[in-house]
Amino acid sequence: MANIYIGKTESNMQGFRVKQGSLNVGKNKIWSENTGRVSNGDMTGDLVATKYKLEATLNAMGQAESAALDDIISEDFFYAKFINPASSSGGWKTIKVYGGDVTYPVYSYATGNLRYVGTGISLIEK
């Protein structure tokens, strides 16, 4: 199982360990405004940047864990640390991100039970 750590500051990456059931690491290309197809069908434009997008489905969480997660991802921007698939050594990468939509599928509201299973988060590099 892969790990993602998130925190409100870069120095506090142990703020929350995301115990995900699945993780997708995407690298998205950002192109300039003048990008597009020209009359002969060729692509033209300038690559401005490549940004990461992390999408995770989390394992079961209790109320305290979901509240801790929500506290961090409700910030405008925060930090995420993950193993970089583009690194030949499998090194860790820390990026500043914002949170996309988050879903909290309710499993149970019974006292003492895990409450949320399959929470989905999307973290997009700033």
Protein backbone atom coordinates (compact mmCIF):
# COMPACT_ATOMS: atom_id res chain seq x y z
CA MET A 1 0.00 0.00 0.00
CA ALA A 2 1.32 3.42 -0.96
CA ASN A 3 1.30 6.30 1.47
CA ILE A 4 0.41 9.95 1.12
CA TYR A 5 1.10 12.41 3.90
CA ILE A 6 -0.65 15.77 4.03
CA GLY A 7 -0.12 18.74 6.30
CA LYS A 8 -0.91 22.43 6.61
CA THR A 9 2.80 23.27 6.43
CA GLU A 10 5.68 21.65 4.58
CA SER A 11 7.48 21.02 7.87
CA ASN A 12 4.43 19.20 9.30
CA MET A 13 4.06 16.44 6.73
CA GLN A 14 3.06 13.98 9.44
CA GLY A 15 -0.08 16.06 9.92
CA PHE A 16 -2.20 13.29 8.48
CA ARG A 17 -1.24 9.94 6.95
CA VAL A 18 -3.74 9.12 4.26
CA LYS A 19 -4.42 5.37 4.49
CA GLN A 20 -5.68 4.91 1.00
CA GLY A 21 -7.04 1.79 -0.59
CA SER A 22 -6.03 3.04 -4.03
CA LEU A 23 -3.89 5.84 -5.41
CA ASN A 24 -3.57 7.36 -8.87
CA VAL A 25 -0.71 9.76 -9.54
CA GLY A 26 -1.29 11.84 -12.66
CA LYS A 27 1.04 14.27 -14.41
CA ASN A 28 -0.93 16.89 -16.32
CA LYS A 29 0.57 19.15 -18.96
CA ILE A 30 -0.39 22.82 -18.90
CA TRP A 31 -0.21 24.43 -22.34
CA SER A 32 -0.04 28.09 -23.38
CA GLU A 33 -3.12 29.95 -24.62
CA ASN A 34 -1.97 29.75 -28.25
CA THR A 35 -2.04 25.93 -28.24
CA GLY A 36 -4.12 24.10 -30.82
CA ARG A 37 -4.24 22.49 -34.22
CA VAL A 38 -3.14 24.46 -37.27
CA SER A 39 -4.58 24.16 -40.78
CA ASN A 40 -2.47 21.10 -41.70
CA GLY A 41 -3.53 19.27 -38.53
CA ASP A 42 -0.23 19.62 -36.66
CA MET A 43 -0.25 20.55 -32.98
CA THR A 44 1.32 23.88 -32.04
CA GLY A 45 1.87 25.60 -28.70
CA ASP A 46 4.18 25.91 -25.75
CA LEU A 47 4.29 23.63 -22.74
CA VAL A 48 4.10 25.92 -19.70
CA ALA A 49 4.31 23.40 -16.84
CA THR A 50 3.61 19.85 -15.72
CA LYS A 51 1.54 19.50 -12.54
CA TYR A 52 0.71 16.47 -10.39
CA LYS A 53 -2.78 15.34 -9.49
CA LEU A 54 -3.23 12.73 -6.75
CA GLU A 55 -6.52 10.86 -6.54
CA ALA A 56 -7.04 8.48 -3.65
CA THR A 57 -9.80 6.31 -2.31
CA LEU A 58 -9.32 5.89 1.41
CA ASN A 59 -9.80 2.90 3.66
CA ALA A 60 -12.28 2.98 6.51
CA MET A 61 -12.12 6.00 8.83
CA GLY A 62 -13.68 6.93 12.11
CA GLN A 63 -15.12 10.33 12.97
CA ALA A 64 -11.88 11.73 14.44
CA GLU A 65 -9.89 10.75 11.32
CA SER A 66 -12.43 12.24 8.93
CA ALA A 67 -12.47 15.48 10.95
CA ALA A 68 -8.63 15.66 10.90
CA LEU A 69 -8.59 15.06 7.13
CA ASP A 70 -11.28 17.68 6.53
CA ASP A 71 -9.43 20.22 8.69
CA ILE A 72 -6.38 20.01 6.41
CA ILE A 73 -8.07 19.77 3.00
CA SER A 74 -10.39 22.68 3.81
CA GLU A 75 -7.37 25.01 3.70
CA ASP A 76 -6.90 27.01 0.49
CA PHE A 77 -3.50 25.36 -0.03
CA PHE A 78 -1.60 22.70 1.91
CA TYR A 79 1.16 20.15 1.29
CA ALA A 80 1.20 16.54 0.10
CA LYS A 81 4.10 14.10 0.16
CA PHE A 82 4.13 10.92 -1.94
CA ILE A 83 6.50 8.52 -3.66
CA ASN A 84 7.27 10.03 -7.04
CA PRO A 85 6.72 7.53 -9.88
CA ALA A 86 8.98 9.66 -12.11
CA SER A 87 11.95 9.16 -9.73
CA SER A 88 14.27 6.31 -10.70
CA SER A 89 15.09 5.78 -7.02
CA GLY A 90 11.46 5.92 -5.84
CA GLY A 91 12.14 9.05 -3.83
CA TRP A 92 9.56 11.12 -1.99
CA LYS A 93 8.17 14.32 -3.52
CA THR A 94 6.49 17.15 -1.63
CA ILE A 95 4.17 19.51 -3.49
CA LYS A 96 1.86 22.39 -2.56
CA VAL A 97 -1.71 21.42 -3.43
CA TYR A 98 -5.33 22.40 -3.18
CA GLY A 99 -8.13 19.97 -2.56
CA GLY A 100 -10.69 19.14 -5.19
CA ASP A 101 -14.00 17.57 -4.31
CA VAL A 102 -14.09 15.14 -1.39
CA THR A 103 -16.78 12.54 -0.79
CA TYR A 104 -17.51 10.80 2.52
CA PRO A 105 -19.55 7.63 1.84
CA VAL A 106 -21.30 6.78 5.11
CA TYR A 107 -20.81 3.23 6.31
CA SER A 108 -22.41 3.48 9.74
CA TYR A 109 -23.40 5.96 12.41
CA ALA A 110 -23.55 3.25 15.09
CA THR A 111 -21.49 4.10 18.18
CA GLY A 112 -17.98 2.64 18.04
CA ASN A 113 -18.13 1.65 14.38
CA LEU A 114 -16.07 3.03 11.55
CA ARG A 115 -18.17 5.66 9.87
CA TYR A 116 -16.79 6.29 6.39
CA VAL A 117 -15.53 3.75 3.85
CA GLY A 118 -14.22 4.69 0.42
CA THR A 119 -13.74 8.43 1.00
CA GLY A 120 -12.43 9.98 -2.21
CA ILE A 121 -9.98 12.86 -2.32
CA SER A 122 -8.37 14.73 -5.17
CA LEU A 123 -5.19 16.77 -4.57
CA ILE A 124 -4.07 19.08 -7.37
CA GLU A 125 -0.65 20.74 -7.49
CA LYS A 126 -0.76 24.54 -7.25
